[in-house]
Amino acid sequence: LEKADGIDPLDDVTDLGSRIDPESNRMIVGHLPYMERLVSFLTAENFELRVIRFQNSGIVCLDRDEKGWFIKWTLNPYIG
């Protein structure tokens, strides 16, 4: 467990996004809209393009292959 700086809701996602090691197998926990923007930056290389809409307490698993980052699976809580 380690605390990372620069992942507040409105922080720039490009710094962390460009430093993530795909072999590190890490979980990044944060708040919206940062997390949506980070996933967009990694998967579409455009943090302004929404590629997924997070639910509160949702989890998105990303993976990377020779073509780049992609969404592998998501897990969202049941909200009735």
C-alpha atoms as a PDB file:
ATOM      1  CA  LEU A   1       0.000   0.000   0.000  1.00  0.00           C
ATOM      2  CA  GLU A   2       1.406   3.379  -0.939  1.00  0.00           C
ATOM      3  CA  LYS A   3      -0.094   6.826  -1.225  1.00  0.00           C
ATOM      4  CA  ALA A   4       0.343   8.597  -4.540  1.00  0.00           C
ATOM      5  CA  ASP A   5       0.318  12.334  -5.044  1.00  0.00           C
ATOM      6  CA  GLY A   6      -1.363  13.946  -8.017  1.00  0.00           C
ATOM      7  CA  ILE A   7      -4.520  11.843  -8.128  1.00  0.00           C
ATOM      8  CA  ASP A   8      -6.989  14.302  -6.663  1.00  0.00           C
ATOM      9  CA  PRO A   9     -10.299  14.500  -8.558  1.00  0.00           C
ATOM     10  CA  LEU A  10      -9.245  17.356 -10.865  1.00  0.00           C
ATOM     11  CA  ASP A  11      -5.513  16.602 -11.206  1.00  0.00           C
ATOM     12  CA  ASP A  12      -3.788  16.025 -14.540  1.00  0.00           C
ATOM     13  CA  VAL A  13      -3.935  12.331 -15.483  1.00  0.00           C
ATOM     14  CA  THR A  14      -1.127  12.435 -18.032  1.00  0.00           C
ATOM     15  CA  ASP A  15       1.664  12.328 -15.443  1.00  0.00           C
ATOM     16  CA  LEU A  16       0.573   9.122 -13.738  1.00  0.00           C
ATOM     17  CA  GLY A  17      -0.870   7.676 -16.931  1.00  0.00           C
ATOM     18  CA  SER A  18       2.446   7.895 -18.743  1.00  0.00           C
ATOM     19  CA  ARG A  19       4.355   6.306 -15.834  1.00  0.00           C
ATOM     20  CA  ILE A  20       2.196   3.225 -15.194  1.00  0.00           C
ATOM     21  CA  ASP A  21       4.158   0.027 -15.718  1.00  0.00           C
ATOM     22  CA  PRO A  22       1.814  -2.566 -17.277  1.00  0.00           C
ATOM     23  CA  GLU A  23       3.803  -5.323 -15.563  1.00  0.00           C
ATOM     24  CA  SER A  24       3.347  -3.823 -12.085  1.00  0.00           C
ATOM     25  CA  ASN A  25      -0.076  -5.387 -11.405  1.00  0.00           C
ATOM     26  CA  ARG A  26      -1.280  -2.469  -9.284  1.00  0.00           C
ATOM     27  CA  MET A  27      -4.661  -1.227  -8.191  1.00  0.00           C
ATOM     28  CA  ILE A  28      -5.150   2.525  -8.271  1.00  0.00           C
ATOM     29  CA  VAL A  29      -7.939   3.804  -6.041  1.00  0.00           C
ATOM     30  CA  GLY A  30      -9.247   7.307  -6.512  1.00  0.00           C
ATOM     31  CA  HIS A  31     -12.202   9.584  -7.060  1.00  0.00           C
ATOM     32  CA  LEU A  32     -14.184  10.875  -9.973  1.00  0.00           C
ATOM     33  CA  PRO A  33     -13.646  12.442 -12.386  1.00  0.00           C
ATOM     34  CA  TYR A  34      -9.946  11.526 -12.141  1.00  0.00           C
ATOM     35  CA  MET A  35     -10.485   7.782 -12.559  1.00  0.00           C
ATOM     36  CA  GLU A  36     -12.689   8.157 -15.659  1.00  0.00           C
ATOM     37  CA  ARG A  37     -10.171  10.541 -17.191  1.00  0.00           C
ATOM     38  CA  LEU A  38      -7.258   8.196 -16.414  1.00  0.00           C
ATOM     39  CA  VAL A  39      -8.970   5.237 -18.107  1.00  0.00           C
ATOM     40  CA  SER A  40      -9.751   7.429 -21.127  1.00  0.00           C
ATOM     41  CA  PHE A  41      -6.148   8.609 -21.320  1.00  0.00           C
ATOM     42  CA  LEU A  42      -4.793   5.064 -21.172  1.00  0.00           C
ATOM     43  CA  THR A  43      -7.261   3.397 -23.551  1.00  0.00           C
ATOM     44  CA  ALA A  44      -7.968   6.196 -26.056  1.00  0.00           C
ATOM     45  CA  GLU A  45      -4.994   8.507 -25.433  1.00  0.00           C
ATOM     46  CA  ASN A  46      -7.524  11.290 -24.876  1.00  0.00           C
ATOM     47  CA  PHE A  47      -8.545  12.129 -21.310  1.00  0.00           C
ATOM     48  CA  GLU A  48     -11.471  14.255 -22.521  1.00  0.00           C
ATOM     49  CA  LEU A  49     -13.140  11.339 -24.328  1.00  0.00           C
ATOM     50  CA  ARG A  50     -15.302   9.334 -21.919  1.00  0.00           C
ATOM     51  CA  VAL A  51     -14.786   5.637 -22.627  1.00  0.00           C
ATOM     52  CA  ILE A  52     -16.513   4.409 -19.473  1.00  0.00           C
ATOM     53  CA  ARG A  53     -18.900   5.804 -16.915  1.00  0.00           C
ATOM     54  CA  PHE A  54     -17.902   4.717 -13.432  1.00  0.00           C
ATOM     55  CA  GLN A  55     -20.388   3.915 -10.725  1.00  0.00           C
ATOM     56  CA  ASN A  56     -19.440   4.810  -7.167  1.00  0.00           C
ATOM     57  CA  SER A  57     -17.466   1.889  -5.711  1.00  0.00           C
ATOM     58  CA  GLY A  58     -17.035   0.365  -9.184  1.00  0.00           C
ATOM     59  CA  ILE A  59     -13.899  -1.408 -10.342  1.00  0.00           C
ATOM     60  CA  VAL A  60     -12.405  -1.343 -13.820  1.00  0.00           C
ATOM     61  CA  CYS A  61      -9.641  -3.777 -14.745  1.00  0.00           C
ATOM     62  CA  LEU A  62      -7.278  -2.666 -17.491  1.00  0.00           C
ATOM     63  CA  ASP A  63      -4.777  -4.801 -19.341  1.00  0.00           C
ATOM     64  CA  ARG A  64      -2.258  -4.083 -22.053  1.00  0.00           C
ATOM     65  CA  ASP A  65      -1.167  -5.920 -25.169  1.00  0.00           C
ATOM     66  CA  GLU A  66       0.885  -4.984 -28.230  1.00  0.00           C
ATOM     67  CA  LYS A  67      -1.869  -2.573 -29.367  1.00  0.00           C
ATOM     68  CA  GLY A  68      -2.117  -0.719 -26.027  1.00  0.00           C
ATOM     69  CA  TRP A  69      -4.354  -0.540 -22.977  1.00  0.00           C
ATOM     70  CA  PHE A  70      -7.899  -1.959 -23.008  1.00  0.00           C
ATOM     71  CA  ILE A  71     -10.730  -2.553 -20.533  1.00  0.00           C
ATOM     72  CA  LYS A  72     -10.582  -6.221 -19.548  1.00  0.00           C
ATOM     73  CA  TRP A  73     -13.583  -6.268 -17.187  1.00  0.00           C
ATOM     74  CA  THR A  74     -15.677  -4.119 -14.888  1.00  0.00           C
ATOM     75  CA  LEU A  75     -17.429  -4.792 -11.606  1.00  0.00           C
ATOM     76  CA  ASN A  76     -20.209  -2.504 -10.446  1.00  0.00           C
ATOM     77  CA  PRO A  77     -22.234  -2.693  -7.242  1.00  0.00           C
ATOM     78  CA  TYR A  78     -25.921  -3.424  -7.527  1.00  0.00           C
ATOM     79  CA  ILE A  79     -27.779  -0.190  -7.108  1.00  0.00           C
ATOM     80  CA  GLY A  80     -31.521  -0.878  -6.922  1.00  0.00           C
END
